[in-house]
């Protein structure tokens, strides 16, 4: 018996250490169901592609069918509210850009939103080899768009993009250090990762979320692929414009091969450059390929 006691004591101490480590605080999300993810992604891609193809057709009646009667569209300046207001803008755009060519690119989803890539050429000096890219955040009701918020890449040169913020974001989330991640955010920041069912609020919760993320995805590398931002609203100078990036996350597990997932991230910084709001959207195909689903 005397020989067994130290072994039992050591085991108890080891268990207590593990429990203590677990109580250090991590927040982990719930992976989406594959079937539900595919339904959301298919609806997003289908409706978004129809929007771009409708505009490409130059047919105002077809464009009208893409949107709900109460559509709200933000593109810097005052919002377009209602289908008639939006169609007035569409009529002017098509008259002004008679040689406009376009195609729909990739899409990214959250639990409720769709972020699509709109590739443009034939206008403003853009070519098919060097196009201008819009990134559109849309809400979909049924098979129509009810909300449309527009962002532009650097080729448009409409609004300055906070590239430093987007690069610092990539560096912090590649560091494996939750405290470095915390330093990006304002004290009252909210991080919305609704596809995985979590919305950590405040630096502490965001740090716990980062700790859980680094545990689930060891040794990540975040590569910034595209940058974009929205125009200031000169009539509402107190509104803070958001800046976005398309990132490729590559996790490097101890065993098995690395796998990459593309995400769209929308960041709203305060006047001091700290993030007050974040929305994260994912490439559904990548999530499935890398096994981030149930």
Protein backbone atom coordinates (compact mmCIF):
# COMPACT_ATOMS: atom_id res chain seq x y z
CA UNK A 1 0.00 0.00 0.00
CA UNK A 2 2.80 2.41 0.89
CA UNK A 3 4.23 1.98 -2.63
CA UNK A 4 0.91 2.77 -4.31
CA UNK A 5 0.14 6.03 -2.47
CA UNK A 6 2.73 8.25 -4.23
CA UNK A 7 1.46 7.06 -7.62
CA UNK A 8 -2.15 7.86 -6.71
CA UNK A 9 -1.12 11.24 -5.30
CA UNK A 10 0.80 12.06 -8.48
CA UNK A 11 -2.21 11.17 -10.58
CA UNK A 12 -4.48 13.42 -8.49
CA UNK A 13 -2.05 16.30 -8.80
CA UNK A 14 -1.88 15.79 -12.57
CA UNK A 15 -5.69 15.84 -12.85
CA UNK A 16 -5.87 19.04 -10.77
CA UNK A 17 -3.32 20.68 -13.04
CA UNK A 18 -5.37 19.76 -16.08
CA UNK A 19 -8.55 21.11 -14.49
CA UNK A 20 -6.79 24.31 -13.57
CA UNK A 21 -5.59 24.74 -17.14
CA UNK A 22 -9.10 24.20 -18.47
CA UNK A 23 -10.46 26.83 -16.10
CA UNK A 24 -8.00 29.35 -17.53
CA UNK A 25 -10.76 30.25 -19.96
CA UNK A 26 -11.29 29.47 -23.61
CA UNK A 27 -14.29 30.06 -25.84
CA UNK A 28 -14.81 27.67 -28.71
CA UNK A 29 -17.54 27.71 -31.32
CA UNK A 30 -19.87 25.01 -32.54
CA UNK A 31 -19.04 23.84 -36.08
CA UNK A 32 -21.94 24.27 -38.51
CA UNK A 33 -23.86 21.29 -39.81
CA UNK A 34 -22.68 20.40 -43.30
CA UNK A 35 -26.19 20.25 -44.81
CA UNK A 36 -27.21 23.61 -43.32
CA UNK A 37 -23.91 25.15 -44.43
CA UNK A 38 -24.41 23.97 -48.01
CA UNK A 39 -27.97 25.35 -48.11
CA UNK A 40 -26.79 28.78 -46.93
CA UNK A 41 -23.84 28.77 -49.32
CA UNK A 42 -25.90 27.69 -52.34
CA UNK A 43 -28.53 30.37 -51.66
CA UNK A 44 -25.83 33.02 -51.22
CA UNK A 45 -24.01 32.09 -54.43
CA UNK A 46 -27.18 31.75 -56.50
CA UNK A 47 -28.78 35.03 -55.43
CA UNK A 48 -25.54 36.98 -55.56
CA UNK A 49 -24.65 35.64 -59.03
CA UNK A 50 -28.12 36.54 -60.26
CA UNK A 51 -27.57 40.12 -59.04
CA UNK A 52 -24.33 40.50 -61.00
CA UNK A 53 -25.74 38.82 -64.11
CA UNK A 54 -28.83 41.04 -63.97
CA UNK A 55 -26.70 44.18 -63.92
CA UNK A 56 -24.53 42.73 -66.68
CA UNK A 57 -27.61 42.22 -68.86
CA UNK A 58 -28.48 45.93 -68.74
CA UNK A 59 -32.15 44.92 -68.32
CA UNK A 60 -33.78 47.18 -65.72
CA UNK A 61 -36.73 44.83 -65.26
CA UNK A 62 -34.38 41.95 -64.53
CA UNK A 63 -32.41 44.09 -62.07
CA UNK A 64 -35.63 45.06 -60.28
CA UNK A 65 -36.51 41.40 -59.74
CA UNK A 66 -33.31 40.80 -57.75
CA UNK A 67 -34.36 43.07 -54.86
CA UNK A 68 -37.17 43.29 -52.32
CA UNK A 69 -39.53 46.27 -52.43
CA UNK A 70 -37.97 47.64 -49.22
CA UNK A 71 -34.32 47.19 -50.29
CA UNK A 72 -31.78 49.36 -48.43
CA UNK A 73 -28.48 50.07 -50.19
CA UNK A 74 -25.41 51.75 -48.64
CA UNK A 75 -22.69 53.07 -50.96
CA UNK A 76 -21.30 56.07 -49.08
CA UNK A 77 -23.57 59.07 -48.81
CA UNK A 78 -27.26 58.74 -47.93
CA UNK A 79 -28.76 55.28 -48.28
CA UNK A 80 -30.98 54.29 -51.16
CA UNK A 81 -34.24 53.18 -49.55
CA UNK A 82 -36.87 51.28 -51.46
CA UNK A 83 -36.89 49.71 -54.89
CA UNK A 84 -37.82 52.90 -56.77
CA UNK A 85 -34.91 54.82 -55.24
CA UNK A 86 -32.53 52.00 -56.13
CA UNK A 87 -33.82 51.70 -59.68
CA UNK A 88 -33.26 55.41 -60.26
CA UNK A 89 -29.60 54.83 -59.38
CA UNK A 90 -29.44 51.75 -61.62
CA UNK A 91 -30.86 53.69 -64.56
CA UNK A 92 -28.22 56.40 -64.20
CA UNK A 93 -25.38 53.89 -63.80
CA UNK A 94 -26.29 51.95 -66.94
CA UNK A 95 -26.56 55.13 -69.00
CA UNK A 96 -23.17 56.36 -67.80
CA UNK A 97 -21.27 53.04 -68.09
CA UNK A 98 -22.33 51.66 -71.45
CA UNK A 99 -19.27 49.37 -71.83
CA UNK A 100 -19.43 47.88 -68.33
CA UNK A 101 -18.45 44.20 -68.15
CA UNK A 102 -18.61 42.07 -65.02
CA UNK A 103 -18.77 38.65 -63.43
CA UNK A 104 -19.49 37.23 -59.99
CA UNK A 105 -16.56 35.87 -57.99
CA UNK A 106 -16.43 33.90 -54.76
CA UNK A 107 -18.87 34.22 -51.88
CA UNK A 108 -18.51 33.97 -48.11
CA UNK A 109 -21.21 33.35 -45.52
CA UNK A 110 -22.08 33.87 -41.87
CA UNK A 111 -25.21 32.56 -40.18
CA UNK A 112 -27.30 35.24 -41.87
CA UNK A 113 -25.14 37.31 -44.26
CA UNK A 114 -23.60 36.80 -47.68
CA UNK A 115 -20.43 38.55 -48.85
CA UNK A 116 -19.89 38.42 -52.59
CA UNK A 117 -17.11 39.46 -54.96
CA UNK A 118 -18.11 41.60 -57.97
CA UNK A 119 -15.38 41.73 -60.66
CA UNK A 120 -15.59 44.79 -62.98
CA UNK A 121 -13.82 45.79 -66.20
CA UNK A 122 -14.47 47.89 -69.31
CA UNK A 123 -15.01 51.00 -67.16
CA UNK A 124 -12.75 53.41 -65.25
CA UNK A 125 -9.68 51.98 -66.98
CA UNK A 126 -10.23 48.49 -65.56
CA UNK A 127 -9.31 45.54 -67.76
CA UNK A 128 -10.25 41.89 -67.51
CA UNK A 129 -6.64 41.15 -66.48
CA UNK A 130 -6.59 43.98 -63.91
CA UNK A 131 -10.20 44.48 -62.81
CA UNK A 132 -11.74 46.51 -60.03
CA UNK A 133 -13.32 44.40 -57.31
CA UNK A 134 -16.33 45.29 -55.22
CA UNK A 135 -17.22 43.30 -52.13
CA UNK A 136 -20.92 43.35 -51.33
CA UNK A 137 -22.43 42.47 -47.98
CA UNK A 138 -26.03 41.42 -48.60
CA UNK A 139 -28.94 40.07 -46.61
CA UNK A 140 -31.24 37.70 -48.46
CA UNK A 141 -34.97 37.19 -47.88
CA UNK A 142 -36.10 34.10 -49.73
CA UNK A 143 -34.40 34.53 -53.08
CA UNK A 144 -34.16 38.35 -53.10
CA UNK A 145 -31.73 40.88 -51.64
CA UNK A 146 -33.16 43.12 -48.91
CA UNK A 147 -29.94 44.86 -47.80
CA UNK A 148 -26.85 45.75 -49.83
CA UNK A 149 -23.69 47.37 -48.45
CA UNK A 150 -20.84 48.10 -50.84
CA UNK A 151 -17.03 48.02 -50.34
CA UNK A 152 -14.28 48.78 -52.87
CA UNK A 153 -10.76 47.46 -53.43
CA UNK A 154 -7.70 49.67 -53.95
CA UNK A 155 -8.13 49.77 -57.75
CA UNK A 156 -11.19 51.96 -57.32
CA UNK A 157 -9.28 54.46 -55.17
CA UNK A 158 -12.58 55.77 -53.80
CA UNK A 159 -11.68 55.62 -50.13
CA UNK A 160 -8.48 54.99 -48.18
CA UNK A 161 -8.07 51.42 -46.96
CA UNK A 162 -6.56 50.93 -43.50
CA UNK A 163 -4.03 48.39 -44.74
CA UNK A 164 -2.00 48.70 -41.54
CA UNK A 165 -4.96 47.54 -39.47
CA UNK A 166 -5.63 44.63 -41.81
CA UNK A 167 -1.96 43.57 -41.79
CA UNK A 168 -1.71 43.88 -38.00
CA UNK A 169 -4.84 41.75 -37.73
CA UNK A 170 -3.19 39.01 -39.82
CA UNK A 171 -0.01 39.18 -37.74
CA UNK A 172 -1.85 38.94 -34.40
CA UNK A 173 -4.02 36.01 -35.47
CA UNK A 174 -0.92 34.27 -36.84
CA UNK A 175 1.02 34.79 -33.60
CA UNK A 176 -0.62 32.11 -31.46
CA UNK A 177 -0.68 34.67 -28.61
CA UNK A 178 -4.16 35.59 -27.26
CA UNK A 179 -2.77 38.72 -25.60
CA UNK A 180 -1.46 40.00 -28.93
CA UNK A 181 -4.93 39.46 -30.36
CA UNK A 182 -6.56 41.31 -27.44
CA UNK A 183 -4.40 44.34 -28.17
CA UNK A 184 -6.19 44.86 -31.51
CA UNK A 185 -9.57 45.50 -29.90
CA UNK A 186 -11.25 48.33 -28.01
CA UNK A 187 -12.41 47.50 -24.44
CA UNK A 188 -16.05 47.23 -25.55
CA UNK A 189 -15.42 45.51 -28.89
CA UNK A 190 -17.77 42.84 -30.24
CA UNK A 191 -16.56 39.99 -32.46
CA UNK A 192 -19.36 38.37 -34.44
CA UNK A 193 -18.57 34.84 -35.65
CA UNK A 194 -22.19 33.81 -36.04
CA UNK A 195 -21.59 30.81 -38.31
CA UNK A 196 -19.85 29.14 -35.35
CA UNK A 197 -22.43 30.50 -32.91
CA UNK A 198 -20.23 32.83 -30.86
CA UNK A 199 -20.15 36.58 -30.25
CA UNK A 200 -17.45 37.36 -27.69
CA UNK A 201 -17.76 40.89 -26.28
CA UNK A 202 -14.94 42.85 -24.65
CA UNK A 203 -11.20 42.22 -24.66
CA UNK A 204 -11.28 39.44 -22.07
CA UNK A 205 -13.86 37.36 -23.93
CA UNK A 206 -12.11 37.97 -27.24
CA UNK A 207 -8.87 36.79 -25.62
CA UNK A 208 -10.61 33.62 -24.41
CA UNK A 209 -11.97 33.11 -27.92
CA UNK A 210 -8.47 33.54 -29.37
CA UNK A 211 -7.11 30.98 -26.89
CA UNK A 212 -9.75 28.48 -27.97
CA UNK A 213 -9.08 29.22 -31.61
CA UNK A 214 -5.33 28.64 -31.26
CA UNK A 215 -6.05 25.38 -29.44
CA UNK A 216 -8.33 24.14 -32.24
CA UNK A 217 -6.13 25.47 -35.06
CA UNK A 218 -2.49 25.26 -34.01
CA UNK A 219 0.23 27.26 -35.74
CA UNK A 220 -2.11 29.24 -38.04
CA UNK A 221 -0.92 31.55 -40.79
CA UNK A 222 -3.22 34.35 -41.95
CA UNK A 223 -2.39 35.63 -45.45
CA UNK A 224 -4.06 38.85 -46.62
CA UNK A 225 -5.27 38.35 -50.20
CA UNK A 226 -7.60 41.31 -50.93
CA UNK A 227 -8.23 44.57 -49.08
CA UNK A 228 -11.28 46.83 -49.35
CA UNK A 229 -13.20 49.57 -47.56
CA UNK A 230 -16.38 51.60 -47.79
CA UNK A 231 -16.65 55.27 -48.64
CA UNK A 232 -17.21 57.89 -45.95
CA UNK A 233 -20.69 59.38 -45.70
CA UNK A 234 -20.09 63.13 -45.91
CA UNK A 235 -23.56 63.75 -44.47
CA UNK A 236 -22.84 61.56 -41.41
CA UNK A 237 -19.26 62.21 -40.37
CA UNK A 238 -19.78 60.48 -37.00
CA UNK A 239 -20.25 57.11 -38.74
CA UNK A 240 -17.12 54.98 -38.73
CA UNK A 241 -16.35 53.32 -42.09
CA UNK A 242 -15.38 49.67 -42.05
CA UNK A 243 -12.36 48.04 -43.67
CA UNK A 244 -12.24 44.49 -44.90
CA UNK A 245 -9.92 41.75 -45.97
CA UNK A 246 -10.11 38.37 -47.61
CA UNK A 247 -7.67 36.16 -45.73
CA UNK A 248 -6.41 32.65 -46.30
CA UNK A 249 -5.93 30.78 -43.03
CA UNK A 250 -3.57 27.83 -43.15
CA UNK A 251 -3.44 25.64 -40.06
CA UNK A 252 -0.42 23.44 -39.51
CA UNK A 253 -1.38 20.51 -37.28
CA UNK A 254 1.25 18.35 -35.64
CA UNK A 255 0.02 15.39 -37.67
CA UNK A 256 -1.57 15.37 -41.10
CA UNK A 257 -1.24 17.93 -43.86
CA UNK A 258 -1.96 21.66 -43.70
CA UNK A 259 -5.30 22.89 -44.98
CA UNK A 260 -6.42 26.41 -45.96
CA UNK A 261 -9.72 28.23 -45.40
CA UNK A 262 -10.59 31.60 -46.93
CA UNK A 263 -12.51 34.07 -44.77
CA UNK A 264 -13.92 37.54 -45.25
CA UNK A 265 -13.42 39.83 -42.26
CA UNK A 266 -15.09 43.23 -41.82
CA UNK A 267 -13.42 45.45 -39.20
CA UNK A 268 -14.75 48.75 -37.85
CA UNK A 269 -12.03 50.72 -36.02
CA UNK A 270 -12.57 53.58 -33.59
CA UNK A 271 -10.73 56.93 -34.02
CA UNK A 272 -7.76 55.43 -32.13
CA UNK A 273 -7.49 52.55 -34.60
CA UNK A 274 -8.81 49.87 -32.22
CA UNK A 275 -11.41 47.44 -33.52
CA UNK A 276 -14.89 48.04 -32.08
CA UNK A 277 -16.75 45.61 -34.34
CA UNK A 278 -15.84 42.55 -36.36
CA UNK A 279 -17.92 40.34 -38.66
CA UNK A 280 -16.44 37.07 -39.93
CA UNK A 281 -17.69 35.13 -42.96
CA UNK A 282 -16.34 31.89 -44.45
CA UNK A 283 -15.89 30.06 -47.73
CA UNK A 284 -18.22 27.10 -47.27
CA UNK A 285 -16.30 24.86 -49.68
CA UNK A 286 -13.09 25.44 -47.73
CA UNK A 287 -14.77 24.67 -44.39
CA UNK A 288 -15.95 21.34 -45.76
CA UNK A 289 -12.61 20.54 -47.40
CA UNK A 290 -10.72 21.19 -44.16
CA UNK A 291 -13.21 19.41 -41.91
CA UNK A 292 -14.39 22.47 -39.94
CA UNK A 293 -17.98 21.17 -40.04
CA UNK A 294 -20.10 18.55 -38.31
